[in-house]
PDB file of N, CA and C in Angstrom:
ATOM      1  N   GLU A   1     -94.246-119.430 -13.605  1.00  0.00           N
ATOM      2  CA  GLU A   1     -93.034-118.992 -12.851  1.00  0.00           C
ATOM      3  C   GLU A   1     -94.000-118.277 -11.641  1.00  0.00           C
ATOM      4  N   ASP A   2     -94.807-117.584 -11.643  1.00  0.00           N
ATOM      5  CA  ASP A   2     -95.202-116.078 -10.461  1.00  0.00           C
ATOM      6  C   ASP A   2     -95.780-117.423  -9.574  1.00  0.00           C
ATOM      7  N   VAL A   3     -96.661-118.241  -9.953  1.00  0.00           N
ATOM      8  CA  VAL A   3     -97.416-119.223  -9.465  1.00  0.00           C
ATOM      9  C   VAL A   3     -96.577-120.209  -8.565  1.00  0.00           C
ATOM     10  N   ASP A   4     -95.651-120.608  -9.282  1.00  0.00           N
ATOM     11  CA  ASP A   4     -94.567-121.404  -8.664  1.00  0.00           C
ATOM     12  C   ASP A   4     -93.918-120.638  -7.370  1.00  0.00           C
ATOM     13  N   PHE A   5     -93.288-119.704  -7.852  1.00  0.00           N
ATOM     14  CA  PHE A   5     -92.405-118.915  -6.606  1.00  0.00           C
ATOM     15  C   PHE A   5     -93.516-118.461  -5.424  1.00  0.00           C
ATOM     16  N   ALA A   6     -94.672-117.764  -5.816  1.00  0.00           N
ATOM     17  CA  ALA A   6     -95.771-117.247  -5.003  1.00  0.00           C
ATOM     18  C   ALA A   6     -95.948-118.634  -3.827  1.00  0.00           C
ATOM     19  N   LEU A   7     -96.267-119.685  -4.463  1.00  0.00           N
ATOM     20  CA  LEU A   7     -96.755-120.801  -3.654  1.00  0.00           C
ATOM     21  C   LEU A   7     -95.858-121.271  -2.793  1.00  0.00           C
ATOM     22  N   LYS A   8     -94.319-121.595  -3.347  1.00  0.00           N
ATOM     23  CA  LYS A   8     -93.547-121.956  -2.329  1.00  0.00           C
ATOM     24  C   LYS A   8     -93.261-120.728  -1.200  1.00  0.00           C
ATOM     25  N   ALA A   9     -93.421-119.638  -1.520  1.00  0.00           N
ATOM     26  CA  ALA A   9     -93.054-118.618  -0.356  1.00  0.00           C
ATOM     27  C   ALA A   9     -94.014-118.615   0.607  1.00  0.00           C
ATOM     28  N   TRP A  10     -95.523-118.636   0.248  1.00  0.00           N
ATOM     29  CA  TRP A  10     -96.388-118.727   1.216  1.00  0.00           C
ATOM     30  C   TRP A  10     -96.275-120.143   1.777  1.00  0.00           C
ATOM     31  N   LEU A  11     -95.753-121.439   1.305  1.00  0.00           N
ATOM     32  CA  LEU A  11     -95.636-122.475   1.948  1.00  0.00           C
ATOM     33  C   LEU A  11     -94.948-122.442   3.153  1.00  0.00           C
ATOM     34  N   ILE A  12     -93.655-121.815   2.823  1.00  0.00           N
ATOM     35  CA  ILE A  12     -92.333-121.767   3.535  1.00  0.00           C
ATOM     36  C   ILE A  12     -92.601-120.815   4.608  1.00  0.00           C
ATOM     37  N   GLY A  13     -93.492-119.713   4.682  1.00  0.00           N
ATOM     38  CA  GLY A  13     -93.919-118.677   5.806  1.00  0.00           C
ATOM     39  C   GLY A  13     -93.430-117.434   5.177  1.00  0.00           C
ATOM     40  N   ASP A  14     -93.111-117.217   4.011  1.00  0.00           N
ATOM     41  CA  ASP A  14     -92.692-116.119   3.609  1.00  0.00           C
ATOM     42  C   ASP A  14     -94.217-115.285   2.970  1.00  0.00           C
ATOM     43  N   GLY A  15     -93.949-113.813   2.811  1.00  0.00           N
ATOM     44  CA  GLY A  15     -95.071-113.198   2.238  1.00  0.00           C
ATOM     45  C   GLY A  15     -94.675-112.857   0.702  1.00  0.00           C
ATOM     46  N   VAL A  16     -95.688-112.639   0.124  1.00  0.00           N
ATOM     47  CA  VAL A  16     -95.616-112.308  -1.370  1.00  0.00           C
ATOM     48  C   VAL A  16     -95.912-110.630  -1.551  1.00  0.00           C
ATOM     49  N   LEU A  17     -95.195-109.671  -2.042  1.00  0.00           N
ATOM     50  CA  LEU A  17     -95.665-108.455  -2.506  1.00  0.00           C
ATOM     51  C   LEU A  17     -96.547-108.223  -3.385  1.00  0.00           C
ATOM     52  N   HIS A  18     -97.276-107.192  -3.404  1.00  0.00           N
ATOM     53  CA  HIS A  18     -98.124-107.053  -4.402  1.00  0.00           C
ATOM     54  C   HIS A  18     -98.398-105.341  -4.772  1.00  0.00           C
ATOM     55  N   ASP A  19     -97.951-104.993  -5.774  1.00  0.00           N
ATOM     56  CA  ASP A  19     -98.022-103.517  -6.521  1.00  0.00           C
ATOM     57  C   ASP A  19     -98.917-103.185  -7.226  1.00  0.00           C
ATOM     58  N   PRO A  20    -100.184-103.089  -7.005  1.00  0.00           N
ATOM     59  CA  PRO A  20    -101.207-102.708  -7.702  1.00  0.00           C
ATOM     60  C   PRO A  20    -100.732-101.596  -8.924  1.00  0.00           C
ATOM     61  N   HIS A  21     -99.841-100.871  -9.007  1.00  0.00           N
ATOM     62  CA  HIS A  21     -99.355 -99.899  -9.921  1.00  0.00           C
ATOM     63  C   HIS A  21     -98.081-100.478 -10.438  1.00  0.00           C
ATOM     64  N   ALA A  22     -97.746-101.941 -10.884  1.00  0.00           N
ATOM     65  CA  ALA A  22     -96.576-102.034 -11.432  1.00  0.00           C
ATOM     66  C   ALA A  22     -96.686-102.118 -12.990  1.00  0.00           C
ATOM     67  N   SER A  23     -96.016-101.948 -13.688  1.00  0.00           N
ATOM     68  CA  SER A  23     -95.967-102.109 -15.326  1.00  0.00           C
ATOM     69  C   SER A  23     -95.281-103.079 -15.925  1.00  0.00           C
ATOM     70  N   ILE A  24     -95.819-103.786 -16.645  1.00  0.00           N
ATOM     71  CA  ILE A  24     -95.020-104.883 -17.246  1.00  0.00           C
ATOM     72  C   ILE A  24     -95.144-104.937 -18.519  1.00  0.00           C
ATOM     73  N   GLY A  25     -93.923-104.653 -19.525  1.00  0.00           N
ATOM     74  CA  GLY A  25     -94.118-104.767 -21.150  1.00  0.00           C
ATOM     75  C   GLY A  25     -93.703-106.003 -21.587  1.00  0.00           C
ATOM     76  N   HIS A  26     -94.516-106.569 -22.557  1.00  0.00           N
ATOM     77  CA  HIS A  26     -94.159-107.974 -23.428  1.00  0.00           C
ATOM     78  C   HIS A  26     -93.979-107.206 -25.039  1.00  0.00           C
ATOM     79  N   ARG A  27     -93.081-108.134 -25.472  1.00  0.00           N
ATOM     80  CA  ARG A  27     -93.054-107.802 -26.980  1.00  0.00           C
ATOM     81  C   ARG A  27     -93.392-109.006 -27.478  1.00  0.00           C
ATOM     82  N   PHE A  28     -94.578-108.907 -28.466  1.00  0.00           N
ATOM     83  CA  PHE A  28     -95.072-109.962 -29.003  1.00  0.00           C
ATOM     84  C   PHE A  28     -94.633-110.076 -30.597  1.00  0.00           C
ATOM     85  N   ARG A  29     -94.049-111.208 -30.988  1.00  0.00           N
ATOM     86  CA  ARG A  29     -93.676-111.427 -32.328  1.00  0.00           C
ATOM     87  C   ARG A  29     -94.757-112.287 -33.237  1.00  0.00           C
ATOM     88  N   THR A  30     -94.905-111.730 -34.322  1.00  0.00           N
ATOM     89  CA  THR A  30     -95.971-112.658 -34.788  1.00  0.00           C
ATOM     90  C   THR A  30     -95.055-113.772 -35.768  1.00  0.00           C
ATOM     91  N   ASP A  31     -94.233-113.727 -36.009  1.00  0.00           N
ATOM     92  CA  ASP A  31     -93.181-114.457 -36.686  1.00  0.00           C
ATOM     93  C   ASP A  31     -92.680-115.926 -36.102  1.00  0.00           C
ATOM     94  N   GLY A  32     -92.767-115.979 -34.767  1.00  0.00           N
ATOM     95  CA  GLY A  32     -92.216-116.824 -33.943  1.00  0.00           C
ATOM     96  C   GLY A  32     -90.880-116.736 -33.848  1.00  0.00           C
ATOM     97  N   SER A  33     -89.977-115.769 -34.216  1.00  0.00           N
ATOM     98  CA  SER A  33     -88.369-116.063 -34.367  1.00  0.00           C
ATOM     99  C   SER A  33     -87.889-115.481 -32.890  1.00  0.00           C
ATOM    100  N   ALA A  34     -88.723-115.218 -31.873  1.00  0.00           N
ATOM    101  CA  ALA A  34     -88.193-114.678 -30.471  1.00  0.00           C
ATOM    102  C   ALA A  34     -87.898-116.151 -30.100  1.00  0.00           C
ATOM    103  N   TYR A  35     -88.462-117.112 -29.933  1.00  0.00           N
ATOM    104  CA  TYR A  35     -88.274-118.197 -29.128  1.00  0.00           C
ATOM    105  C   TYR A  35     -89.234-119.327 -29.414  1.00  0.00           C
ATOM    106  N   SER A  36     -88.806-120.489 -29.404  1.00  0.00           N
ATOM    107  CA  SER A  36     -89.976-121.729 -29.655  1.00  0.00           C
ATOM    108  C   SER A  36     -89.758-122.886 -28.432  1.00  0.00           C
ATOM    109  N   ILE A  37     -90.807-122.936 -27.694  1.00  0.00           N
ATOM    110  CA  ILE A  37     -90.978-124.218 -27.119  1.00  0.00           C
ATOM    111  C   ILE A  37     -91.420-125.341 -27.504  1.00  0.00           C
ATOM    112  N   ARG A  38     -91.377-126.373 -26.885  1.00  0.00           N
ATOM    113  CA  ARG A  38     -91.711-127.568 -26.937  1.00  0.00           C
ATOM    114  C   ARG A  38     -93.260-127.614 -26.337  1.00  0.00           C
ATOM    115  N   SER A  39     -94.074-128.691 -27.193  1.00  0.00           N
ATOM    116  CA  SER A  39     -95.731-128.600 -26.542  1.00  0.00           C
ATOM    117  C   SER A  39     -95.561-129.060 -25.032  1.00  0.00           C
ATOM    118  N   THR A  40     -94.605-130.047 -24.716  1.00  0.00           N
ATOM    119  CA  THR A  40     -94.674-130.689 -23.737  1.00  0.00           C
ATOM    120  C   THR A  40     -94.123-129.671 -22.404  1.00  0.00           C
ATOM    121  N   ALA A  41     -93.553-128.395 -22.865  1.00  0.00           N
ATOM    122  CA  ALA A  41     -92.689-127.859 -21.496  1.00  0.00           C
ATOM    123  C   ALA A  41     -93.648-127.113 -20.449  1.00  0.00           C
ATOM    124  N   ILE A  42     -94.934-126.865 -21.057  1.00  0.00           N
ATOM    125  CA  ILE A  42     -95.568-126.234 -19.955  1.00  0.00           C
ATOM    126  C   ILE A  42     -96.605-127.338 -19.227  1.00  0.00           C
ATOM    127  N   PRO A  43     -96.979-128.431 -19.684  1.00  0.00           N
ATOM    128  CA  PRO A  43     -97.173-129.481 -18.805  1.00  0.00           C
ATOM    129  C   PRO A  43     -96.260-129.759 -17.705  1.00  0.00           C
ATOM    130  N   VAL A  44     -95.057-130.230 -18.378  1.00  0.00           N
ATOM    131  CA  VAL A  44     -93.668-130.563 -17.602  1.00  0.00           C
ATOM    132  C   VAL A  44     -93.429-129.468 -16.391  1.00  0.00           C
ATOM    133  N   ASN A  45     -93.579-128.315 -16.556  1.00  0.00           N
ATOM    134  CA  ASN A  45     -93.386-127.265 -15.670  1.00  0.00           C
ATOM    135  C   ASN A  45     -94.572-127.796 -14.727  1.00  0.00           C
ATOM    136  N   LYS A  46     -95.667-127.703 -14.992  1.00  0.00           N
ATOM    137  CA  LYS A  46     -96.675-127.898 -13.995  1.00  0.00           C
ATOM    138  C   LYS A  46     -96.335-129.245 -13.039  1.00  0.00           C
ATOM    139  N   LEU A  47     -96.110-129.990 -13.837  1.00  0.00           N
ATOM    140  CA  LEU A  47     -95.759-131.221 -13.023  1.00  0.00           C
ATOM    141  C   LEU A  47     -94.645-130.981 -11.950  1.00  0.00           C
ATOM    142  N   ARG A  48     -93.508-130.348 -12.667  1.00  0.00           N
ATOM    143  CA  ARG A  48     -92.682-130.093 -11.590  1.00  0.00           C
ATOM    144  C   ARG A  48     -93.041-129.222 -10.187  1.00  0.00           C
ATOM    145  N   MET A  49     -93.912-128.358 -10.708  1.00  0.00           N
ATOM    146  CA  MET A  49     -94.424-127.263  -9.547  1.00  0.00           C
ATOM    147  C   MET A  49     -95.214-128.232  -8.446  1.00  0.00           C
ATOM    148  N   ALA A  50     -96.137-128.994  -8.996  1.00  0.00           N
ATOM    149  CA  ALA A  50     -96.834-129.519  -8.103  1.00  0.00           C
ATOM    150  C   ALA A  50     -95.955-130.883  -7.012  1.00  0.00           C
ATOM    151  N   ARG A  51     -95.203-131.239  -8.158  1.00  0.00           N
ATOM    152  CA  ARG A  51     -93.996-132.390  -7.113  1.00  0.00           C
ATOM    153  C   ARG A  51     -93.753-131.632  -5.862  1.00  0.00           C
ATOM    154  N   THR A  52     -93.060-130.520  -6.253  1.00  0.00           N
ATOM    155  CA  THR A  52     -92.122-129.900  -5.298  1.00  0.00           C
ATOM    156  C   THR A  52     -93.041-129.448  -4.414  1.00  0.00           C
ATOM    157  N   SER A  53     -94.588-129.119  -4.870  1.00  0.00           N
ATOM    158  CA  SER A  53     -94.690-128.163  -3.615  1.00  0.00           C
ATOM    159  C   SER A  53     -95.925-129.021  -2.785  1.00  0.00           C
ATOM    160  N   PHE A  54     -96.481-129.898  -3.461  1.00  0.00           N
ATOM    161  CA  PHE A  54     -97.637-130.832  -2.578  1.00  0.00           C
ATOM    162  C   PHE A  54     -96.974-132.231  -1.851  1.00  0.00           C
ATOM    163  N   GLY A  55     -97.469-132.196  -0.760  1.00  0.00           N
ATOM    164  CA  GLY A  55     -97.572-133.399   0.023  1.00  0.00           C
ATOM    165  C   GLY A  55     -97.966-134.548  -0.753  1.00  0.00           C
ATOM    166  N   ASP A  56     -97.610-135.871  -0.184  1.00  0.00           N
ATOM    167  CA  ASP A  56     -98.139-136.816  -1.165  1.00  0.00           C
ATOM    168  C   ASP A  56     -99.474-137.335  -1.374  1.00  0.00           C
ATOM    169  N   HIS A  57    -100.493-136.917  -0.642  1.00  0.00           N
ATOM    170  CA  HIS A  57    -101.766-137.188  -0.672  1.00  0.00           C
ATOM    171  C   HIS A  57    -102.359-136.430  -1.812  1.00  0.00           C
ATOM    172  N   ALA A  58    -101.730-134.875  -1.903  1.00  0.00           N
ATOM    173  CA  ALA A  58    -102.448-134.149  -2.581  1.00  0.00           C
ATOM    174  C   ALA A  58    -101.656-134.263  -4.204  1.00  0.00           C
ATOM    175  N   TRP A  59    -100.426-134.761  -3.984  1.00  0.00           N
ATOM    176  CA  TRP A  59     -99.615-135.049  -5.503  1.00  0.00           C
ATOM    177  C   TRP A  59    -100.138-136.114  -6.085  1.00  0.00           C
ATOM    178  N   ASP A  60    -100.663-137.446  -5.533  1.00  0.00           N
ATOM    179  CA  ASP A  60    -101.355-138.529  -5.829  1.00  0.00           C
ATOM    180  C   ASP A  60    -102.608-138.184  -6.324  1.00  0.00           C
ATOM    181  N   GLU A  61    -103.358-137.270  -5.866  1.00  0.00           N
ATOM    182  CA  GLU A  61    -104.684-136.765  -6.556  1.00  0.00           C
ATOM    183  C   GLU A  61    -104.668-136.043  -7.314  1.00  0.00           C
ATOM    184  N   TRP A  62    -103.623-134.886  -7.614  1.00  0.00           N
ATOM    185  CA  TRP A  62    -103.525-134.055  -8.547  1.00  0.00           C
ATOM    186  C   TRP A  62    -103.046-134.696  -9.815  1.00  0.00           C
ATOM    187  N   LEU A  63    -102.115-135.552  -9.504  1.00  0.00           N
ATOM    188  CA  LEU A  63    -101.449-136.050 -10.581  1.00  0.00           C
ATOM    189  C   LEU A  63    -102.582-136.967 -11.588  1.00  0.00           C
ATOM    190  N   ALA A  64    -103.368-137.593 -10.704  1.00  0.00           N
ATOM    191  CA  ALA A  64    -104.116-138.644 -11.416  1.00  0.00           C
ATOM    192  C   ALA A  64    -105.205-137.547 -12.355  1.00  0.00           C
ATOM    193  N   ARG A  65    -105.596-136.756 -11.674  1.00  0.00           N
ATOM    194  CA  ARG A  65    -106.472-135.504 -12.424  1.00  0.00           C
ATOM    195  C   ARG A  65    -105.686-135.143 -13.665  1.00  0.00           C
ATOM    196  N   PHE A  66    -104.388-134.710 -13.476  1.00  0.00           N
ATOM    197  CA  PHE A  66    -103.735-133.656 -14.462  1.00  0.00           C
ATOM    198  C   PHE A  66    -103.677-134.766 -15.739  1.00  0.00           C
ATOM    199  N   ARG A  67    -103.348-136.234 -15.200  1.00  0.00           N
ATOM    200  CA  ARG A  67    -102.882-137.242 -16.384  1.00  0.00           C
ATOM    201  C   ARG A  67    -104.119-137.508 -17.084  1.00  0.00           C
ATOM    202  N   GLY A  68    -105.210-137.288 -16.510  1.00  0.00           N
ATOM    203  CA  GLY A  68    -106.750-137.610 -17.402  1.00  0.00           C
ATOM    204  C   GLY A  68    -106.762-136.813 -18.426  1.00  0.00           C
ATOM    205  N   LEU A  69    -105.989-135.436 -18.378  1.00  0.00           N
ATOM    206  CA  LEU A  69    -106.339-134.215 -19.638  1.00  0.00           C
ATOM    207  C   LEU A  69    -105.534-134.640 -20.794  1.00  0.00           C
ATOM    208  N   PHE A  70    -104.660-135.769 -20.881  1.00  0.00           N
ATOM    209  CA  PHE A  70    -103.931-135.986 -22.191  1.00  0.00           C
ATOM    210  C   PHE A  70    -104.216-137.490 -22.430  1.00  0.00           C
ATOM    211  N   SER A  71    -103.905-137.620 -23.871  1.00  0.00           N
ATOM    212  CA  SER A  71    -103.809-138.722 -24.371  1.00  0.00           C
ATOM    213  C   SER A  71    -102.746-139.675 -23.736  1.00  0.00           C
ATOM    214  N   GLU A  72    -102.772-141.022 -24.119  1.00  0.00           N
ATOM    215  CA  GLU A  72    -101.609-141.628 -23.724  1.00  0.00           C
ATOM    216  C   GLU A  72    -100.251-141.406 -24.337  1.00  0.00           C
ATOM    217  N   THR A  73    -100.527-141.274 -25.578  1.00  0.00           N
ATOM    218  CA  THR A  73     -99.346-140.860 -26.436  1.00  0.00           C
ATOM    219  C   THR A  73     -98.556-139.558 -26.020  1.00  0.00           C
ATOM    220  N   GLU A  74     -99.436-138.536 -25.493  1.00  0.00           N
ATOM    221  CA  GLU A  74     -99.140-137.197 -25.049  1.00  0.00           C
ATOM    222  C   GLU A  74     -98.409-137.247 -23.727  1.00  0.00           C
ATOM    223  N   TRP A  75     -99.146-138.050 -22.569  1.00  0.00           N
ATOM    224  CA  TRP A  75     -98.841-138.380 -21.474  1.00  0.00           C
ATOM    225  C   TRP A  75     -97.216-139.206 -21.304  1.00  0.00           C
ATOM    226  N   ARG A  76     -97.241-139.962 -22.152  1.00  0.00           N
ATOM    227  CA  ARG A  76     -95.745-140.531 -22.235  1.00  0.00           C
ATOM    228  C   ARG A  76     -94.671-139.562 -22.660  1.00  0.00           C
ATOM    229  N   GLU A  77     -94.620-138.656 -23.439  1.00  0.00           N
ATOM    230  CA  GLU A  77     -93.991-137.602 -23.403  1.00  0.00           C
ATOM    231  C   GLU A  77     -93.699-136.621 -22.620  1.00  0.00           C
ATOM    232  N   ILE A  78     -94.732-136.249 -22.019  1.00  0.00           N
ATOM    233  CA  ILE A  78     -94.781-135.394 -20.870  1.00  0.00           C
ATOM    234  C   ILE A  78     -94.064-135.882 -19.714  1.00  0.00           C
ATOM    235  N   TRP A  79     -94.481-137.295 -19.312  1.00  0.00           N
ATOM    236  CA  TRP A  79     -93.864-137.966 -18.245  1.00  0.00           C
ATOM    237  C   TRP A  79     -92.262-138.046 -18.787  1.00  0.00           C
ATOM    238  N   ALA A  80     -91.941-138.208 -19.795  1.00  0.00           N
ATOM    239  CA  ALA A  80     -90.387-138.549 -19.897  1.00  0.00           C
ATOM    240  C   ALA A  80     -89.644-137.207 -20.189  1.00  0.00           C
ATOM    241  N   GLY A  81     -90.200-136.245 -20.374  1.00  0.00           N
ATOM    242  CA  GLY A  81     -89.676-134.822 -20.074  1.00  0.00           C
ATOM    243  C   GLY A  81     -89.460-134.828 -18.335  1.00  0.00           C
ATOM    244  N   PHE A  82     -90.337-134.753 -17.843  1.00  0.00           N
ATOM    245  CA  PHE A  82     -90.424-134.552 -16.506  1.00  0.00           C
ATOM    246  C   PHE A  82     -89.771-135.554 -15.845  1.00  0.00           C
ATOM    247  N   SER A  83     -89.383-136.810 -16.002  1.00  0.00           N
ATOM    248  CA  SER A  83     -88.700-137.604 -15.585  1.00  0.00           C
ATOM    249  C   SER A  83     -87.008-137.602 -15.891  1.00  0.00           C
ATOM    250  N   ARG A  84     -86.689-136.766 -16.838  1.00  0.00           N
ATOM    251  CA  ARG A  84     -85.474-136.489 -17.235  1.00  0.00           C
ATOM    252  C   ARG A  84     -84.612-135.767 -16.381  1.00  0.00           C
ATOM    253  N   ARG A  85     -85.502-134.709 -15.518  1.00  0.00           N
ATOM    254  CA  ARG A  85     -85.126-133.963 -14.578  1.00  0.00           C
ATOM    255  C   ARG A  85     -85.823-134.150 -13.028  1.00  0.00           C
ATOM    256  N   ARG A  86     -85.724-135.689 -12.967  1.00  0.00           N
ATOM    257  CA  ARG A  86     -86.689-136.011 -11.560  1.00  0.00           C
ATOM    258  C   ARG A  86     -85.895-135.997 -10.530  1.00  0.00           C
ATOM    259  N   ARG A  87     -84.340-136.106 -10.696  1.00  0.00           N
ATOM    260  CA  ARG A  87     -83.443-136.114  -9.494  1.00  0.00           C
ATOM    261  C   ARG A  87     -83.385-134.639  -8.899  1.00  0.00           C
ATOM    262  N   SER A  88     -83.409-133.460  -9.828  1.00  0.00           N
ATOM    263  CA  SER A  88     -83.488-132.340  -9.363  1.00  0.00           C
ATOM    264  C   SER A  88     -84.663-131.851  -8.658  1.00  0.00           C
ATOM    265  N   VAL A  89     -85.807-132.563  -9.399  1.00  0.00           N
ATOM    266  CA  VAL A  89     -87.223-132.282  -8.599  1.00  0.00           C
ATOM    267  C   VAL A  89     -87.344-132.589  -7.300  1.00  0.00           C
ATOM    268  N   GLU A  90     -86.726-133.875  -7.159  1.00  0.00           N
ATOM    269  CA  GLU A  90     -86.632-134.493  -5.914  1.00  0.00           C
ATOM    270  C   GLU A  90     -86.261-133.700  -4.627  1.00  0.00           C
ATOM    271  N   LYS A  91     -84.565-133.114  -5.310  1.00  0.00           N
ATOM    272  CA  LYS A  91     -84.075-132.458  -4.175  1.00  0.00           C
ATOM    273  C   LYS A  91     -84.916-131.211  -3.963  1.00  0.00           C
ATOM    274  N   GLU A  92     -85.470-130.610  -4.856  1.00  0.00           N
ATOM    275  CA  GLU A  92     -85.867-129.460  -4.602  1.00  0.00           C
ATOM    276  C   GLU A  92     -87.356-129.400  -3.622  1.00  0.00           C
ATOM    277  N   ARG A  93     -87.761-130.746  -3.988  1.00  0.00           N
ATOM    278  CA  ARG A  93     -89.323-131.040  -3.081  1.00  0.00           C
ATOM    279  C   ARG A  93     -88.718-131.239  -1.807  1.00  0.00           C
ATOM    280  N   ARG A  94     -87.690-132.058  -1.365  1.00  0.00           N
ATOM    281  CA  ARG A  94     -87.192-132.396   0.016  1.00  0.00           C
ATOM    282  C   ARG A  94     -86.875-130.894   0.622  1.00  0.00           C
ATOM    283  N   HIS A  95     -86.387-130.037  -0.156  1.00  0.00           N
ATOM    284  CA  HIS A  95     -86.124-128.600   0.724  1.00  0.00           C
ATOM    285  C   HIS A  95     -87.383-127.966   1.051  1.00  0.00           C
ATOM    286  N   VAL A  96     -88.435-127.943  -0.165  1.00  0.00           N
ATOM    287  CA  VAL A  96     -89.641-127.116   0.280  1.00  0.00           C
ATOM    288  C   VAL A  96     -90.345-127.867   1.117  1.00  0.00           C
ATOM    289  N   LEU A  97     -90.565-129.064   1.205  1.00  0.00           N
ATOM    290  CA  LEU A  97     -91.436-129.985   2.169  1.00  0.00           C
ATOM    291  C   LEU A  97     -90.669-129.737   3.576  1.00  0.00           C
ATOM    292  N   GLY A  98     -89.215-129.641   3.654  1.00  0.00           N
ATOM    293  CA  GLY A  98     -88.761-129.620   4.865  1.00  0.00           C
ATOM    294  C   GLY A  98     -88.820-127.921   5.284  1.00  0.00           C
ATOM    295  N   ALA A  99     -88.866-127.163   4.590  1.00  0.00           N
ATOM    296  CA  ALA A  99     -88.883-125.794   4.874  1.00  0.00           C
ATOM    297  C   ALA A  99     -90.001-125.414   5.056  1.00  0.00           C
ATOM    298  N   ARG A 100     -91.103-125.731   4.642  1.00  0.00           N
ATOM    299  CA  ARG A 100     -92.565-125.283   4.826  1.00  0.00           C
ATOM    300  C   ARG A 100     -93.246-125.115   6.272  1.00  0.00           C
ATOM    301  N   CYS A 101     -94.013-124.265   6.802  1.00  0.00           N
ATOM    302  CA  CYS A 101     -94.568-123.973   8.022  1.00  0.00           C
ATOM    303  C   CYS A 101     -96.055-124.214   7.346  1.00  0.00           C
ATOM    304  N   ARG A 102     -96.743-124.389   6.319  1.00  0.00           N
ATOM    305  CA  ARG A 102     -98.088-124.240   5.738  1.00  0.00           C
ATOM    306  C   ARG A 102     -97.951-125.042   4.931  1.00  0.00           C
ATOM    307  N   ASP A 103     -99.318-126.060   4.975  1.00  0.00           N
ATOM    308  CA  ASP A 103     -99.348-127.130   3.597  1.00  0.00           C
ATOM    309  C   ASP A 103    -100.407-126.170   2.684  1.00  0.00           C
ATOM    310  N   GLU A 104    -100.720-127.378   1.582  1.00  0.00           N
ATOM    311  CA  GLU A 104    -101.314-126.890   0.179  1.00  0.00           C
ATOM    312  C   GLU A 104    -102.857-126.745   0.680  1.00  0.00           C
ATOM    313  N   TYR A 105    -102.834-127.318   1.903  1.00  0.00           N
ATOM    314  CA  TYR A 105    -104.453-127.420   2.205  1.00  0.00           C
ATOM    315  C   TYR A 105    -104.716-125.824   3.138  1.00  0.00           C
ATOM    316  N   TRP A 106    -103.848-125.420   3.598  1.00  0.00           N
ATOM    317  CA  TRP A 106    -103.985-123.934   4.273  1.00  0.00           C
ATOM    318  C   TRP A 106    -104.215-122.979   3.117  1.00  0.00           C
ATOM    319  N   TYR A 107    -103.185-123.254   2.088  1.00  0.00           N
ATOM    320  CA  TYR A 107    -103.240-122.304   0.992  1.00  0.00           C
ATOM    321  C   TYR A 107    -104.208-122.319   0.264  1.00  0.00           C
ATOM    322  N   ALA A 108    -104.952-123.374  -0.035  1.00  0.00           N
ATOM    323  CA  ALA A 108    -106.304-123.415  -0.900  1.00  0.00           C
ATOM    324  C   ALA A 108    -107.269-122.589   0.309  1.00  0.00           C
ATOM    325  N   TYR A 109    -107.357-122.976   1.393  1.00  0.00           N
ATOM    326  CA  TYR A 109    -108.373-122.307   2.176  1.00  0.00           C
ATOM    327  C   TYR A 109    -107.998-120.766   2.319  1.00  0.00           C
ATOM    328  N   ARG A 110    -106.781-120.598   2.394  1.00  0.00           N
ATOM    329  CA  ARG A 110    -106.431-119.125   2.526  1.00  0.00           C
ATOM    330  C   ARG A 110    -106.820-118.327   1.077  1.00  0.00           C
ATOM    331  N   PHE A 111    -106.848-118.736  -0.066  1.00  0.00           N
ATOM    332  CA  PHE A 111    -107.141-117.869  -0.756  1.00  0.00           C
ATOM    333  C   PHE A 111    -108.356-118.789  -1.838  1.00  0.00           C
ATOM    334  N   GLY A 112    -109.247-119.347  -1.053  1.00  0.00           N
ATOM    335  CA  GLY A 112    -110.640-119.499  -1.366  1.00  0.00           C
ATOM    336  C   GLY A 112    -110.564-120.531  -2.779  1.00  0.00           C
ATOM    337  N   LEU A 113    -109.612-121.407  -2.695  1.00  0.00           N
ATOM    338  CA  LEU A 113    -109.741-122.264  -4.091  1.00  0.00           C
ATOM    339  C   LEU A 113    -110.552-123.798  -3.502  1.00  0.00           C
ATOM    340  N   PRO A 114    -111.272-124.133  -4.170  1.00  0.00           N
ATOM    341  CA  PRO A 114    -112.048-125.488  -4.127  1.00  0.00           C
ATOM    342  C   PRO A 114    -110.781-126.548  -3.779  1.00  0.00           C
ATOM    343  N   TRP A 115    -109.799-126.595  -4.571  1.00  0.00           N
ATOM    344  CA  TRP A 115    -109.074-127.870  -4.036  1.00  0.00           C
ATOM    345  C   TRP A 115    -107.650-127.118  -3.960  1.00  0.00           C
ATOM    346  N   PRO A 116    -106.737-128.074  -3.077  1.00  0.00           N
ATOM    347  CA  PRO A 116    -107.188-129.056  -2.313  1.00  0.00           C
ATOM    348  C   PRO A 116    -107.815-129.332  -1.234  1.00  0.00           C
ATOM    349  N   ALA A 117    -108.529-129.928  -0.557  1.00  0.00           N
ATOM    350  CA  ALA A 117    -109.639-129.955   0.427  1.00  0.00           C
ATOM    351  C   ALA A 117    -109.337-131.082   1.197  1.00  0.00           C
ATOM    352  N   ARG A 118    -109.471-131.183   2.615  1.00  0.00           N
ATOM    353  CA  ARG A 118    -109.104-132.121   3.409  1.00  0.00           C
ATOM    354  C   ARG A 118    -110.307-132.992   3.351  1.00  0.00           C
TER     355      ARG A 118
END
């Protein structure tokens, strides 16, 4: 979530505040009773983040790389999970791409990331 929010904020020209003294507490439970998530939830969320934030070229390149991380069976399940909410993803994408004043290439350069590069 934090990466998703921060990326979108930078792309549309907003800043992200950093508090080096912030404290965050987490409660970890060993019995798993707090919550459970499907094994596909994290990859589906990564797909959503990339689709809503990246332009067409970077999306196509990122998607090909990401898909290669999974078996065909895993990928079908991940893609199905992503596709179930595709309509809302595309709506969010139109908003982000329409509002952004920077692109993913600027973001990568700004933060010294090796990808995406022109």
